[in-house]
Amino acid sequence: MPSKKTVLALAIALRLNTDETQDILACAGYALSHSVQFDVIVEFFIVHEMFDVFTINEMLFRYEQPLLGQ
């Protein structure tokens, strides 16, 4: 069973839109939450179609969140 972080990294790698990301998360038993800072940051990049994992990880690091791909 993949972790939520792994599923989101896959969604970024596949350049999935918000609906597709929600679907793949649901298949793994997860959902994005607006009360979880990590989710909000990753969702922002997905909504704005910014799929550069290095840029996303820079923002996650800035807010002391776990990085994608670790």
PDB file of N, CA and C in Angstrom:
ATOM      1  N   MET A   1       0.837  -1.169   0.000  1.00  0.00           N
ATOM      2  CA  MET A   1       0.000   0.000   0.000  1.00  0.00           C
ATOM      3  C   MET A   1       0.897   1.252   0.000  1.00  0.00           C
ATOM      4  N   PRO A   2       0.805   2.080  -1.034  1.00  0.00           N
ATOM      5  CA  PRO A   2       1.659   3.270  -1.101  1.00  0.00           C
ATOM      6  C   PRO A   2       1.212   4.325  -0.083  1.00  0.00           C
ATOM      7  N   SER A   3       2.153   5.128   0.343  1.00  0.00           N
ATOM      8  CA  SER A   3       1.821   6.230   1.248  1.00  0.00           C
ATOM      9  C   SER A   3       1.149   7.353   0.455  1.00  0.00           C
ATOM     10  N   LYS A   4       0.513   8.248   1.162  1.00  0.00           N
ATOM     11  CA  LYS A   4      -0.134   9.394   0.518  1.00  0.00           C
ATOM     12  C   LYS A   4       0.907  10.231  -0.226  1.00  0.00           C
ATOM     13  N   LYS A   5       2.066  10.397   0.389  1.00  0.00           N
ATOM     14  CA  LYS A   5       3.144  11.160  -0.231  1.00  0.00           C
ATOM     15  C   LYS A   5       3.587  10.519  -1.538  1.00  0.00           C
ATOM     16  N   THR A   6       3.659   9.199  -1.572  1.00  0.00           N
ATOM     17  CA  THR A   6       4.045   8.483  -2.785  1.00  0.00           C
ATOM     18  C   THR A   6       2.998   8.652  -3.881  1.00  0.00           C
ATOM     19  N   VAL A   7       1.734   8.577  -3.511  1.00  0.00           N
ATOM     20  CA  VAL A   7       0.655   8.756  -4.491  1.00  0.00           C
ATOM     21  C   VAL A   7       0.695  10.174  -5.061  1.00  0.00           C
ATOM     22  N   LEU A   8       0.948  11.170  -4.215  1.00  0.00           N
ATOM     23  CA  LEU A   8       1.032  12.544  -4.710  1.00  0.00           C
ATOM     24  C   LEU A   8       2.256  12.742  -5.599  1.00  0.00           C
ATOM     25  N   ALA A   9       3.362  12.102  -5.264  1.00  0.00           N
ATOM     26  CA  ALA A   9       4.546  12.177  -6.128  1.00  0.00           C
ATOM     27  C   ALA A   9       4.249  11.567  -7.490  1.00  0.00           C
ATOM     28  N   LEU A  10       3.505  10.477  -7.509  1.00  0.00           N
ATOM     29  CA  LEU A  10       3.104   9.855  -8.766  1.00  0.00           C
ATOM     30  C   LEU A  10       2.193  10.789  -9.564  1.00  0.00           C
ATOM     31  N   ALA A  11       1.255  11.430  -8.895  1.00  0.00           N
ATOM     32  CA  ALA A  11       0.355  12.372  -9.568  1.00  0.00           C
ATOM     33  C   ALA A  11       1.134  13.524 -10.197  1.00  0.00           C
ATOM     34  N   ILE A  12       2.150  14.009  -9.491  1.00  0.00           N
ATOM     35  CA  ILE A  12       2.997  15.084 -10.031  1.00  0.00           C
ATOM     36  C   ILE A  12       3.765  14.566 -11.240  1.00  0.00           C
ATOM     37  N   ALA A  13       4.361  13.387 -11.121  1.00  0.00           N
ATOM     38  CA  ALA A  13       5.145  12.814 -12.221  1.00  0.00           C
ATOM     39  C   ALA A  13       4.289  12.589 -13.467  1.00  0.00           C
ATOM     40  N   LEU A  14       3.028  12.202 -13.251  1.00  0.00           N
ATOM     41  CA  LEU A  14       2.120  11.957 -14.380  1.00  0.00           C
ATOM     42  C   LEU A  14       1.407  13.224 -14.856  1.00  0.00           C
ATOM     43  N   ARG A  15       1.672  14.331 -14.158  1.00  0.00           N
ATOM     44  CA  ARG A  15       1.073  15.625 -14.501  1.00  0.00           C
ATOM     45  C   ARG A  15      -0.459  15.538 -14.499  1.00  0.00           C
ATOM     46  N   LEU A  16      -1.005  14.912 -13.455  1.00  0.00           N
ATOM     47  CA  LEU A  16      -2.443  14.759 -13.345  1.00  0.00           C
ATOM     48  C   LEU A  16      -3.089  16.071 -12.900  1.00  0.00           C
ATOM     49  N   ASN A  17      -4.313  16.314 -13.375  1.00  0.00           N
ATOM     50  CA  ASN A  17      -5.036  17.503 -12.924  1.00  0.00           C
ATOM     51  C   ASN A  17      -5.654  17.205 -11.557  1.00  0.00           C
ATOM     52  N   THR A  18      -6.373  18.173 -11.006  1.00  0.00           N
ATOM     53  CA  THR A  18      -6.923  18.034  -9.664  1.00  0.00           C
ATOM     54  C   THR A  18      -7.893  16.858  -9.556  1.00  0.00           C
ATOM     55  N   ASP A  19      -8.802  16.734 -10.512  1.00  0.00           N
ATOM     56  CA  ASP A  19      -9.771  15.635 -10.468  1.00  0.00           C
ATOM     57  C   ASP A  19      -9.084  14.278 -10.567  1.00  0.00           C
ATOM     58  N   GLU A  20      -8.120  14.159 -11.461  1.00  0.00           N
ATOM     59  CA  GLU A  20      -7.392  12.899 -11.620  1.00  0.00           C
ATOM     60  C   GLU A  20      -6.593  12.578 -10.359  1.00  0.00           C
ATOM     61  N   THR A  21      -6.035  13.607  -9.746  1.00  0.00           N
ATOM     62  CA  THR A  21      -5.282  13.408  -8.508  1.00  0.00           C
ATOM     63  C   THR A  21      -6.205  12.934  -7.396  1.00  0.00           C
ATOM     64  N   GLN A  22      -7.377  13.549  -7.291  1.00  0.00           N
ATOM     65  CA  GLN A  22      -8.355  13.118  -6.284  1.00  0.00           C
ATOM     66  C   GLN A  22      -8.746  11.662  -6.514  1.00  0.00           C
ATOM     67  N   ASP A  23      -8.928  11.282  -7.771  1.00  0.00           N
ATOM     68  CA  ASP A  23      -9.314   9.903  -8.105  1.00  0.00           C
ATOM     69  C   ASP A  23      -8.235   8.900  -7.701  1.00  0.00           C
ATOM     70  N   ILE A  24      -6.979   9.205  -8.039  1.00  0.00           N
ATOM     71  CA  ILE A  24      -5.900   8.268  -7.716  1.00  0.00           C
ATOM     72  C   ILE A  24      -5.685   8.189  -6.207  1.00  0.00           C
ATOM     73  N   LEU A  25      -5.861   9.306  -5.517  1.00  0.00           N
ATOM     74  CA  LEU A  25      -5.760   9.290  -4.059  1.00  0.00           C
ATOM     75  C   LEU A  25      -6.873   8.432  -3.456  1.00  0.00           C
ATOM     76  N   ALA A  26      -8.083   8.575  -3.979  1.00  0.00           N
ATOM     77  CA  ALA A  26      -9.225   7.809  -3.471  1.00  0.00           C
ATOM     78  C   ALA A  26      -9.002   6.309  -3.669  1.00  0.00           C
ATOM     79  N   CYS A  27      -8.423   5.945  -4.799  1.00  0.00           N
ATOM     80  CA  CYS A  27      -8.135   4.526  -5.057  1.00  0.00           C
ATOM     81  C   CYS A  27      -7.177   3.951  -4.018  1.00  0.00           C
ATOM     82  N   ALA A  28      -6.307   4.798  -3.487  1.00  0.00           N
ATOM     83  CA  ALA A  28      -5.350   4.351  -2.474  1.00  0.00           C
ATOM     84  C   ALA A  28      -5.877   4.579  -1.054  1.00  0.00           C
ATOM     85  N   GLY A  29      -7.095   5.125  -0.944  1.00  0.00           N
ATOM     86  CA  GLY A  29      -7.694   5.343   0.371  1.00  0.00           C
ATOM     87  C   GLY A  29      -7.353   6.669   1.010  1.00  0.00           C
ATOM     88  N   TYR A  30      -6.950   7.643   0.207  1.00  0.00           N
ATOM     89  CA  TYR A  30      -6.567   8.964   0.725  1.00  0.00           C
ATOM     90  C   TYR A  30      -7.406  10.060   0.069  1.00  0.00           C
ATOM     91  N   ALA A  31      -7.269  11.267   0.598  1.00  0.00           N
ATOM     92  CA  ALA A  31      -7.892  12.451   0.010  1.00  0.00           C
ATOM     93  C   ALA A  31      -7.053  13.663   0.385  1.00  0.00           C
ATOM     94  N   LEU A  32      -7.131  14.703  -0.417  1.00  0.00           N
ATOM     95  CA  LEU A  32      -6.470  15.963  -0.084  1.00  0.00           C
ATOM     96  C   LEU A  32      -7.291  16.679   0.978  1.00  0.00           C
ATOM     97  N   SER A  33      -6.607  17.292   1.915  1.00  0.00           N
ATOM     98  CA  SER A  33      -7.276  18.008   2.993  1.00  0.00           C
ATOM     99  C   SER A  33      -6.799  19.457   3.005  1.00  0.00           C
ATOM    100  N   HIS A  34      -7.729  20.379   3.134  1.00  0.00           N
ATOM    101  CA  HIS A  34      -7.364  21.792   3.208  1.00  0.00           C
ATOM    102  C   HIS A  34      -6.883  22.182   4.600  1.00  0.00           C
ATOM    103  N   SER A  35      -6.886  21.238   5.528  1.00  0.00           N
ATOM    104  CA  SER A  35      -6.387  21.516   6.874  1.00  0.00           C
ATOM    105  C   SER A  35      -4.975  20.956   7.078  1.00  0.00           C
ATOM    106  N   VAL A  36      -4.416  20.344   6.047  1.00  0.00           N
ATOM    107  CA  VAL A  36      -3.060  19.794   6.113  1.00  0.00           C
ATOM    108  C   VAL A  36      -2.174  20.625   5.189  1.00  0.00           C
ATOM    109  N   GLN A  37      -1.178  21.279   5.777  1.00  0.00           N
ATOM    110  CA  GLN A  37      -0.339  22.207   5.011  1.00  0.00           C
ATOM    111  C   GLN A  37       0.343  21.523   3.829  1.00  0.00           C
ATOM    112  N   PHE A  38       0.841  20.317   4.002  1.00  0.00           N
ATOM    113  CA  PHE A  38       1.480  19.579   2.910  1.00  0.00           C
ATOM    114  C   PHE A  38       0.521  19.451   1.734  1.00  0.00           C
ATOM    115  N   ASP A  39      -0.715  19.059   2.007  1.00  0.00           N
ATOM    116  CA  ASP A  39      -1.722  18.882   0.956  1.00  0.00           C
ATOM    117  C   ASP A  39      -2.031  20.195   0.247  1.00  0.00           C
ATOM    118  N   VAL A  40      -2.145  21.260   1.004  1.00  0.00           N
ATOM    119  CA  VAL A  40      -2.457  22.573   0.425  1.00  0.00           C
ATOM    120  C   VAL A  40      -1.357  23.018  -0.533  1.00  0.00           C
ATOM    121  N   ILE A  41      -0.122  22.819  -0.135  1.00  0.00           N
ATOM    122  CA  ILE A  41       1.011  23.221  -0.977  1.00  0.00           C
ATOM    123  C   ILE A  41       1.031  22.410  -2.272  1.00  0.00           C
ATOM    124  N   VAL A  42       0.920  21.096  -2.154  1.00  0.00           N
ATOM    125  CA  VAL A  42       0.963  20.246  -3.345  1.00  0.00           C
ATOM    126  C   VAL A  42      -0.236  20.543  -4.248  1.00  0.00           C
ATOM    127  N   GLU A  43      -1.406  20.719  -3.665  1.00  0.00           N
ATOM    128  CA  GLU A  43      -2.594  21.012  -4.466  1.00  0.00           C
ATOM    129  C   GLU A  43      -2.443  22.333  -5.218  1.00  0.00           C
ATOM    130  N   PHE A  44      -1.827  23.336  -4.592  1.00  0.00           N
ATOM    131  CA  PHE A  44      -1.592  24.619  -5.266  1.00  0.00           C
ATOM    132  C   PHE A  44      -0.822  24.410  -6.564  1.00  0.00           C
ATOM    133  N   PHE A  45       0.236  23.618  -6.497  1.00  0.00           N
ATOM    134  CA  PHE A  45       1.052  23.387  -7.688  1.00  0.00           C
ATOM    135  C   PHE A  45       0.297  22.589  -8.745  1.00  0.00           C
ATOM    136  N   ILE A  46      -0.521  21.650  -8.323  1.00  0.00           N
ATOM    137  CA  ILE A  46      -1.308  20.874  -9.280  1.00  0.00           C
ATOM    138  C   ILE A  46      -2.336  21.765  -9.963  1.00  0.00           C
ATOM    139  N   VAL A  47      -3.046  22.579  -9.184  1.00  0.00           N
ATOM    140  CA  VAL A  47      -4.067  23.475  -9.740  1.00  0.00           C
ATOM    141  C   VAL A  47      -3.458  24.429 -10.764  1.00  0.00           C
ATOM    142  N   HIS A  48      -2.249  24.907 -10.476  1.00  0.00           N
ATOM    143  CA  HIS A  48      -1.582  25.855 -11.371  1.00  0.00           C
ATOM    144  C   HIS A  48      -0.701  25.174 -12.422  1.00  0.00           C
ATOM    145  N   GLU A  49      -0.847  23.843 -12.528  1.00  0.00           N
ATOM    146  CA  GLU A  49      -0.127  23.050 -13.526  1.00  0.00           C
ATOM    147  C   GLU A  49       1.382  23.299 -13.505  1.00  0.00           C
ATOM    148  N   MET A  50       1.919  23.351 -12.306  1.00  0.00           N
ATOM    149  CA  MET A  50       3.357  23.520 -12.100  1.00  0.00           C
ATOM    150  C   MET A  50       3.867  22.190 -11.537  1.00  0.00           C
ATOM    151  N   PHE A  51       4.461  21.370 -12.386  1.00  0.00           N
ATOM    152  CA  PHE A  51       4.788  19.994 -12.014  1.00  0.00           C
ATOM    153  C   PHE A  51       6.277  19.758 -11.776  1.00  0.00           C
ATOM    154  N   ASP A  52       7.046  20.815 -11.595  1.00  0.00           N
ATOM    155  CA  ASP A  52       8.474  20.665 -11.337  1.00  0.00           C
ATOM    156  C   ASP A  52       8.682  20.255  -9.881  1.00  0.00           C
ATOM    157  N   VAL A  53       9.115  19.025  -9.670  1.00  0.00           N
ATOM    158  CA  VAL A  53       9.241  18.486  -8.318  1.00  0.00           C
ATOM    159  C   VAL A  53      10.255  19.272  -7.491  1.00  0.00           C
ATOM    160  N   PHE A  54      11.276  19.840  -8.115  1.00  0.00           N
ATOM    161  CA  PHE A  54      12.268  20.616  -7.376  1.00  0.00           C
ATOM    162  C   PHE A  54      11.649  21.897  -6.820  1.00  0.00           C
ATOM    163  N   THR A  55      10.818  22.551  -7.605  1.00  0.00           N
ATOM    164  CA  THR A  55      10.132  23.763  -7.155  1.00  0.00           C
ATOM    165  C   THR A  55       9.153  23.434  -6.033  1.00  0.00           C
ATOM    166  N   ILE A  56       8.432  22.343  -6.193  1.00  0.00           N
ATOM    167  CA  ILE A  56       7.479  21.919  -5.161  1.00  0.00           C
ATOM    168  C   ILE A  56       8.231  21.598  -3.873  1.00  0.00           C
ATOM    169  N   ASN A  57       9.327  20.866  -3.991  1.00  0.00           N
ATOM    170  CA  ASN A  57      10.107  20.518  -2.803  1.00  0.00           C
ATOM    171  C   ASN A  57      10.715  21.741  -2.130  1.00  0.00           C
ATOM    172  N   GLU A  58      11.097  22.752  -2.895  1.00  0.00           N
ATOM    173  CA  GLU A  58      11.603  23.991  -2.298  1.00  0.00           C
ATOM    174  C   GLU A  58      10.541  24.627  -1.412  1.00  0.00           C
ATOM    175  N   MET A  59       9.310  24.662  -1.896  1.00  0.00           N
ATOM    176  CA  MET A  59       8.227  25.249  -1.120  1.00  0.00           C
ATOM    177  C   MET A  59       7.908  24.380   0.101  1.00  0.00           C
ATOM    178  N   LEU A  60       7.892  23.069  -0.086  1.00  0.00           N
ATOM    179  CA  LEU A  60       7.651  22.176   1.050  1.00  0.00           C
ATOM    180  C   LEU A  60       8.738  22.352   2.110  1.00  0.00           C
ATOM    181  N   PHE A  61       9.980  22.467   1.674  1.00  0.00           N
ATOM    182  CA  PHE A  61      11.097  22.673   2.602  1.00  0.00           C
ATOM    183  C   PHE A  61      10.944  23.988   3.356  1.00  0.00           C
ATOM    184  N   ARG A  62      10.544  25.024   2.639  1.00  0.00           N
ATOM    185  CA  ARG A  62      10.364  26.346   3.241  1.00  0.00           C
ATOM    186  C   ARG A  62       9.348  26.308   4.382  1.00  0.00           C
ATOM    187  N   TYR A  63       8.331  25.458   4.248  1.00  0.00           N
ATOM    188  CA  TYR A  63       7.292  25.346   5.274  1.00  0.00           C
ATOM    189  C   TYR A  63       7.490  24.130   6.183  1.00  0.00           C
ATOM    190  N   GLU A  64       8.715  23.575   6.160  1.00  0.00           N
ATOM    191  CA  GLU A  64       9.108  22.465   7.020  1.00  0.00           C
ATOM    192  C   GLU A  64       8.174  21.260   6.890  1.00  0.00           C
ATOM    193  N   GLN A  65       7.837  20.944   5.646  1.00  0.00           N
ATOM    194  CA  GLN A  65       6.990  19.796   5.337  1.00  0.00           C
ATOM    195  C   GLN A  65       7.856  18.691   4.733  1.00  0.00           C
ATOM    196  N   PRO A  66       7.379  17.448   4.775  1.00  0.00           N
ATOM    197  CA  PRO A  66       8.150  16.373   4.131  1.00  0.00           C
ATOM    198  C   PRO A  66       8.237  16.592   2.636  1.00  0.00           C
ATOM    199  N   LEU A  67       9.343  16.206   2.061  1.00  0.00           N
ATOM    200  CA  LEU A  67       9.566  16.417   0.626  1.00  0.00           C
ATOM    201  C   LEU A  67       9.059  15.239  -0.185  1.00  0.00           C
ATOM    202  N   LEU A  68       8.688  15.518  -1.423  1.00  0.00           N
ATOM    203  CA  LEU A  68       8.292  14.455  -2.341  1.00  0.00           C
ATOM    204  C   LEU A  68       9.542  13.693  -2.752  1.00  0.00           C
ATOM    205  N   GLY A  69       9.446  12.387  -2.851  1.00  0.00           N
ATOM    206  CA  GLY A  69      10.560  11.579  -3.305  1.00  0.00           C
ATOM    207  C   GLY A  69      11.528  11.184  -2.217  1.00  0.00           C
ATOM    208  N   GLN A  70      11.168  11.394  -0.976  1.00  0.00           N
ATOM    209  CA  GLN A  70      12.049  10.978   0.133  1.00  0.00           C
ATOM    210  C   GLN A  70      11.478   9.796   0.825  1.00  0.00           C
TER     211      GLN A  70
END
